[in-house]
Amino acid sequence: MSDTVILSEGAEFNHVIQEVSKYINLYVMAFEKNERTIIRMDKRENMYGGNGIVYMLQMFDQKELANNRLAAYMVLLNKGDESGFHTHNARNEEELYVVIHGTGEYRERTGTEGTIRTKKLRKGDITAISSIGYHSVENTGDEPLIMFVITTNNP
């Protein structure tokens, strides 16, 4: 697993925001709260053993949503960037990916040695993984792969 670096300003932060903003608005209107933009940006190099860099644009504070650990945009800016195989078993989580822009390849398997099932991703596709599965995603296109990720847990 890779280390997370929190970006809050600078050229790299501005570049990611500029690229993503070409395709989506980075705003949230949460119930009874002022409209806002991202809470923070996490940079993950070689995420779960994958190649390249994954940016997580956090849209909610921790524990802001019930039974929700994560509601963020996952951004794989460049072709070949990927989040490697990982599971959500330890936290009894399920995770949804909603493809907002770009193309990619989604991979899933049961256990560490199971048969890998793949799916070509494009705008509008949704994937879901349960806590017993492992999954991975890679940007296979020439534009950023942007997905909205929702990770819920059953406490």
C-alpha atoms as a PDB file:
ATOM      1  CA  MET A   1       0.000   0.000   0.000  1.00  0.00           C
ATOM      2  CA  SER A   2       1.291   3.456  -0.844  1.00  0.00           C
ATOM      3  CA  ASP A   3       1.667   6.453   1.394  1.00  0.00           C
ATOM      4  CA  THR A   4      -0.835   9.260   1.069  1.00  0.00           C
ATOM      5  CA  VAL A   5       0.351  12.823   0.540  1.00  0.00           C
ATOM      6  CA  ILE A   6      -2.208  15.566   1.133  1.00  0.00           C
ATOM      7  CA  LEU A   7      -1.993  18.332  -1.452  1.00  0.00           C
ATOM      8  CA  SER A   8      -3.547  21.684  -0.569  1.00  0.00           C
ATOM      9  CA  GLU A   9      -1.799  24.101  -2.905  1.00  0.00           C
ATOM     10  CA  GLY A  10       0.945  24.397  -5.478  1.00  0.00           C
ATOM     11  CA  ALA A  11       1.457  23.601  -9.146  1.00  0.00           C
ATOM     12  CA  GLU A  12       0.474  19.913  -8.935  1.00  0.00           C
ATOM     13  CA  PHE A  13      -2.706  20.683  -6.961  1.00  0.00           C
ATOM     14  CA  ASN A  14      -3.676  23.414  -9.446  1.00  0.00           C
ATOM     15  CA  HIS A  15      -2.918  21.154 -12.428  1.00  0.00           C
ATOM     16  CA  VAL A  16      -5.185  18.364 -11.137  1.00  0.00           C
ATOM     17  CA  ILE A  17      -8.023  20.800 -10.370  1.00  0.00           C
ATOM     18  CA  GLN A  18      -7.645  22.418 -13.810  1.00  0.00           C
ATOM     19  CA  GLU A  19      -7.715  19.050 -15.633  1.00  0.00           C
ATOM     20  CA  VAL A  20     -10.672  17.643 -13.679  1.00  0.00           C
ATOM     21  CA  SER A  21     -12.632  20.904 -13.978  1.00  0.00           C
ATOM     22  CA  LYS A  22     -12.636  20.496 -17.769  1.00  0.00           C
ATOM     23  CA  TYR A  23     -15.094  17.618 -17.299  1.00  0.00           C
ATOM     24  CA  ILE A  24     -16.965  18.115 -14.011  1.00  0.00           C
ATOM     25  CA  ASN A  25     -17.900  20.742 -11.440  1.00  0.00           C
ATOM     26  CA  LEU A  26     -16.174  20.121  -8.123  1.00  0.00           C
ATOM     27  CA  TYR A  27     -18.998  21.273  -5.885  1.00  0.00           C
ATOM     28  CA  VAL A  28     -21.209  19.669  -3.269  1.00  0.00           C
ATOM     29  CA  MET A  29     -24.518  20.852  -1.887  1.00  0.00           C
ATOM     30  CA  ALA A  30     -24.825  18.859   1.342  1.00  0.00           C
ATOM     31  CA  PHE A  31     -28.083  19.089   3.280  1.00  0.00           C
ATOM     32  CA  GLU A  32     -28.340  22.281   5.329  1.00  0.00           C
ATOM     33  CA  LYS A  33     -24.731  23.240   4.571  1.00  0.00           C
ATOM     34  CA  ASN A  34     -23.212  25.864   2.329  1.00  0.00           C
ATOM     35  CA  GLU A  35     -22.255  24.768  -1.171  1.00  0.00           C
ATOM     36  CA  ARG A  36     -18.579  23.891  -1.196  1.00  0.00           C
ATOM     37  CA  THR A  37     -15.769  22.373  -3.206  1.00  0.00           C
ATOM     38  CA  ILE A  38     -13.345  19.584  -2.274  1.00  0.00           C
ATOM     39  CA  ILE A  39     -12.344  19.075   1.366  1.00  0.00           C
ATOM     40  CA  ARG A  40      -8.850  17.874   0.452  1.00  0.00           C
ATOM     41  CA  MET A  41      -6.820  16.171  -2.271  1.00  0.00           C
ATOM     42  CA  ASP A  42      -4.901  12.979  -1.534  1.00  0.00           C
ATOM     43  CA  LYS A  43      -2.060  11.881  -3.811  1.00  0.00           C
ATOM     44  CA  ARG A  44      -1.304   8.151  -3.857  1.00  0.00           C
ATOM     45  CA  GLU A  45       1.706   6.924  -5.821  1.00  0.00           C
ATOM     46  CA  ASN A  46       1.646   3.221  -6.703  1.00  0.00           C
ATOM     47  CA  MET A  47      -1.712   2.850  -4.945  1.00  0.00           C
ATOM     48  CA  TYR A  48      -2.108  -0.747  -3.731  1.00  0.00           C
ATOM     49  CA  GLY A  49       0.888  -1.724  -5.860  1.00  0.00           C
ATOM     50  CA  GLY A  50      -0.516  -0.181  -9.045  1.00  0.00           C
ATOM     51  CA  ASN A  51       1.387   1.989 -11.507  1.00  0.00           C
ATOM     52  CA  GLY A  52       1.489   5.766 -11.584  1.00  0.00           C
ATOM     53  CA  ILE A  53      -0.475   8.194  -9.454  1.00  0.00           C
ATOM     54  CA  VAL A  54      -4.068   8.222  -8.219  1.00  0.00           C
ATOM     55  CA  TYR A  55      -5.601  11.408  -6.853  1.00  0.00           C
ATOM     56  CA  MET A  56      -8.509  11.233  -4.432  1.00  0.00           C
ATOM     57  CA  LEU A  57     -10.555  14.433  -4.327  1.00  0.00           C
ATOM     58  CA  GLN A  58     -12.338  14.156  -1.002  1.00  0.00           C
ATOM     59  CA  MET A  59     -15.801  15.715  -1.138  1.00  0.00           C
ATOM     60  CA  PHE A  60     -16.921  15.012   2.454  1.00  0.00           C
ATOM     61  CA  ASP A  61     -15.356  15.119   5.900  1.00  0.00           C
ATOM     62  CA  GLN A  62     -14.773  11.825   7.673  1.00  0.00           C
ATOM     63  CA  LYS A  63     -17.979  10.589   9.343  1.00  0.00           C
ATOM     64  CA  GLU A  64     -20.042  13.276   7.589  1.00  0.00           C
ATOM     65  CA  LEU A  65     -22.163  10.610   5.872  1.00  0.00           C
ATOM     66  CA  ALA A  66     -23.753   7.718   7.790  1.00  0.00           C
ATOM     67  CA  ASN A  67     -21.929   4.376   7.362  1.00  0.00           C
ATOM     68  CA  ASN A  68     -19.765   5.995   4.734  1.00  0.00           C
ATOM     69  CA  ARG A  69     -16.001   5.979   4.871  1.00  0.00           C
ATOM     70  CA  LEU A  70     -15.427   7.593   1.494  1.00  0.00           C
ATOM     71  CA  ALA A  71     -17.284   9.674  -1.080  1.00  0.00           C
ATOM     72  CA  ALA A  72     -14.663  11.099  -3.398  1.00  0.00           C
ATOM     73  CA  TYR A  73     -13.577  11.517  -6.977  1.00  0.00           C
ATOM     74  CA  MET A  74     -10.833   9.083  -7.938  1.00  0.00           C
ATOM     75  CA  VAL A  75      -8.732  10.618 -10.691  1.00  0.00           C
ATOM     76  CA  LEU A  76      -6.256   8.699 -12.831  1.00  0.00           C
ATOM     77  CA  LEU A  77      -4.875  11.499 -15.004  1.00  0.00           C
ATOM     78  CA  ASN A  78      -2.662   9.513 -17.361  1.00  0.00           C
ATOM     79  CA  LYS A  79      -2.874   6.355 -19.434  1.00  0.00           C
ATOM     80  CA  GLY A  80      -1.464   3.490 -17.356  1.00  0.00           C
ATOM     81  CA  ASP A  81      -2.224   5.052 -13.964  1.00  0.00           C
ATOM     82  CA  GLU A  82      -3.923   2.455 -11.788  1.00  0.00           C
ATOM     83  CA  SER A  83      -5.114   1.454  -8.394  1.00  0.00           C
ATOM     84  CA  GLY A  84      -3.816  -2.079  -7.848  1.00  0.00           C
ATOM     85  CA  PHE A  85      -5.759  -5.040  -6.491  1.00  0.00           C
ATOM     86  CA  HIS A  86      -7.089  -4.527  -2.979  1.00  0.00           C
ATOM     87  CA  THR A  87      -9.888  -5.776  -0.762  1.00  0.00           C
ATOM     88  CA  HIS A  88     -12.281  -4.093   1.635  1.00  0.00           C
ATOM     89  CA  ASN A  89     -12.641  -7.156   3.823  1.00  0.00           C
ATOM     90  CA  ALA A  90     -10.945  -5.841   6.968  1.00  0.00           C
ATOM     91  CA  ARG A  91     -13.528  -3.063   7.342  1.00  0.00           C
ATOM     92  CA  ASN A  92     -16.494  -5.081   6.009  1.00  0.00           C
ATOM     93  CA  GLU A  93     -16.969  -2.536   3.218  1.00  0.00           C
ATOM     94  CA  GLU A  94     -18.616  -2.406  -0.153  1.00  0.00           C
ATOM     95  CA  GLU A  95     -17.434   0.031  -2.813  1.00  0.00           C
ATOM     96  CA  LEU A  96     -19.053   1.551  -5.866  1.00  0.00           C
ATOM     97  CA  TYR A  97     -17.251   3.198  -8.786  1.00  0.00           C
ATOM     98  CA  VAL A  98     -19.327   5.488 -11.020  1.00  0.00           C
ATOM     99  CA  VAL A  99     -17.430   6.463 -14.179  1.00  0.00           C
ATOM    100  CA  ILE A 100     -17.845  10.178 -14.831  1.00  0.00           C
ATOM    101  CA  HIS A 101     -15.295  10.614 -17.638  1.00  0.00           C
ATOM    102  CA  GLY A 102     -12.703   8.653 -19.559  1.00  0.00           C
ATOM    103  CA  THR A 103     -12.063   5.008 -20.313  1.00  0.00           C
ATOM    104  CA  GLY A 104     -10.457   2.280 -18.288  1.00  0.00           C
ATOM    105  CA  GLU A 105     -10.334  -1.338 -17.337  1.00  0.00           C
ATOM    106  CA  TYR A 106     -11.892  -2.667 -14.159  1.00  0.00           C
ATOM    107  CA  ARG A 107     -10.680  -5.982 -12.747  1.00  0.00           C
ATOM    108  CA  GLU A 108     -12.125  -8.118  -9.954  1.00  0.00           C
ATOM    109  CA  ARG A 109     -11.510 -11.494  -8.404  1.00  0.00           C
ATOM    110  CA  THR A 110     -12.461 -13.556  -5.381  1.00  0.00           C
ATOM    111  CA  GLY A 111      -9.520 -13.917  -3.009  1.00  0.00           C
ATOM    112  CA  THR A 112      -5.887 -13.353  -3.869  1.00  0.00           C
ATOM    113  CA  GLU A 113      -5.680 -16.143  -6.468  1.00  0.00           C
ATOM    114  CA  GLY A 114      -9.174 -16.157  -8.017  1.00  0.00           C
ATOM    115  CA  THR A 115      -9.900 -15.896 -11.712  1.00  0.00           C
ATOM    116  CA  ILE A 116      -9.747 -12.272 -12.852  1.00  0.00           C
ATOM    117  CA  ARG A 117     -12.864 -10.868 -14.505  1.00  0.00           C
ATOM    118  CA  THR A 118     -12.399  -7.656 -16.521  1.00  0.00           C
ATOM    119  CA  LYS A 119     -14.726  -4.941 -17.780  1.00  0.00           C
ATOM    120  CA  LYS A 120     -13.936  -2.086 -20.157  1.00  0.00           C
ATOM    121  CA  LEU A 121     -15.128   1.114 -18.513  1.00  0.00           C
ATOM    122  CA  ARG A 122     -16.630   4.196 -20.075  1.00  0.00           C
ATOM    123  CA  LYS A 123     -18.731   7.137 -18.937  1.00  0.00           C
ATOM    124  CA  GLY A 124     -21.828   6.051 -17.041  1.00  0.00           C
ATOM    125  CA  ASP A 125     -20.631   2.573 -16.039  1.00  0.00           C
ATOM    126  CA  ILE A 126     -21.004   1.513 -12.403  1.00  0.00           C
ATOM    127  CA  THR A 127     -19.088  -1.247 -10.655  1.00  0.00           C
ATOM    128  CA  ALA A 128     -19.623  -2.675  -7.183  1.00  0.00           C
ATOM    129  CA  ILE A 129     -17.406  -4.860  -5.025  1.00  0.00           C
ATOM    130  CA  SER A 130     -18.365  -6.645  -1.822  1.00  0.00           C
ATOM    131  CA  SER A 131     -16.093  -7.194   1.144  1.00  0.00           C
ATOM    132  CA  ILE A 132     -15.066 -10.677  -0.036  1.00  0.00           C
ATOM    133  CA  GLY A 133     -13.730  -9.455  -3.386  1.00  0.00           C
ATOM    134  CA  TYR A 134     -10.565  -7.803  -4.664  1.00  0.00           C
ATOM    135  CA  HIS A 135     -10.599  -5.129  -7.358  1.00  0.00           C
ATOM    136  CA  SER A 136      -8.338  -2.918  -9.453  1.00  0.00           C
ATOM    137  CA  VAL A 137      -8.829  -0.153 -12.035  1.00  0.00           C
ATOM    138  CA  GLU A 138      -6.573   1.299 -14.741  1.00  0.00           C
ATOM    139  CA  ASN A 139      -6.817   4.304 -17.056  1.00  0.00           C
ATOM    140  CA  THR A 140      -6.563   2.899 -20.598  1.00  0.00           C
ATOM    141  CA  GLY A 141      -7.397   6.083 -22.491  1.00  0.00           C
ATOM    142  CA  ASP A 142      -5.733   9.323 -23.504  1.00  0.00           C
ATOM    143  CA  GLU A 143      -7.901  11.472 -21.208  1.00  0.00           C
ATOM    144  CA  PRO A 144      -8.269  11.403 -17.434  1.00  0.00           C
ATOM    145  CA  LEU A 145     -10.323   8.572 -15.948  1.00  0.00           C
ATOM    146  CA  ILE A 146     -12.585  10.209 -13.365  1.00  0.00           C
ATOM    147  CA  MET A 147     -14.812   8.090 -11.143  1.00  0.00           C
ATOM    148  CA  PHE A 148     -16.973   8.938  -8.171  1.00  0.00           C
ATOM    149  CA  VAL A 149     -16.211   6.399  -5.453  1.00  0.00           C
ATOM    150  CA  ILE A 150     -18.546   5.559  -2.591  1.00  0.00           C
ATOM    151  CA  THR A 151     -17.225   3.240   0.111  1.00  0.00           C
ATOM    152  CA  THR A 152     -19.765   2.132   2.690  1.00  0.00           C
ATOM    153  CA  ASN A 153     -19.276  -0.128   5.638  1.00  0.00           C
ATOM    154  CA  ASN A 154     -21.468  -2.330   7.755  1.00  0.00           C
ATOM    155  CA  PRO A 155     -20.304  -1.512  11.310  1.00  0.00           C
END
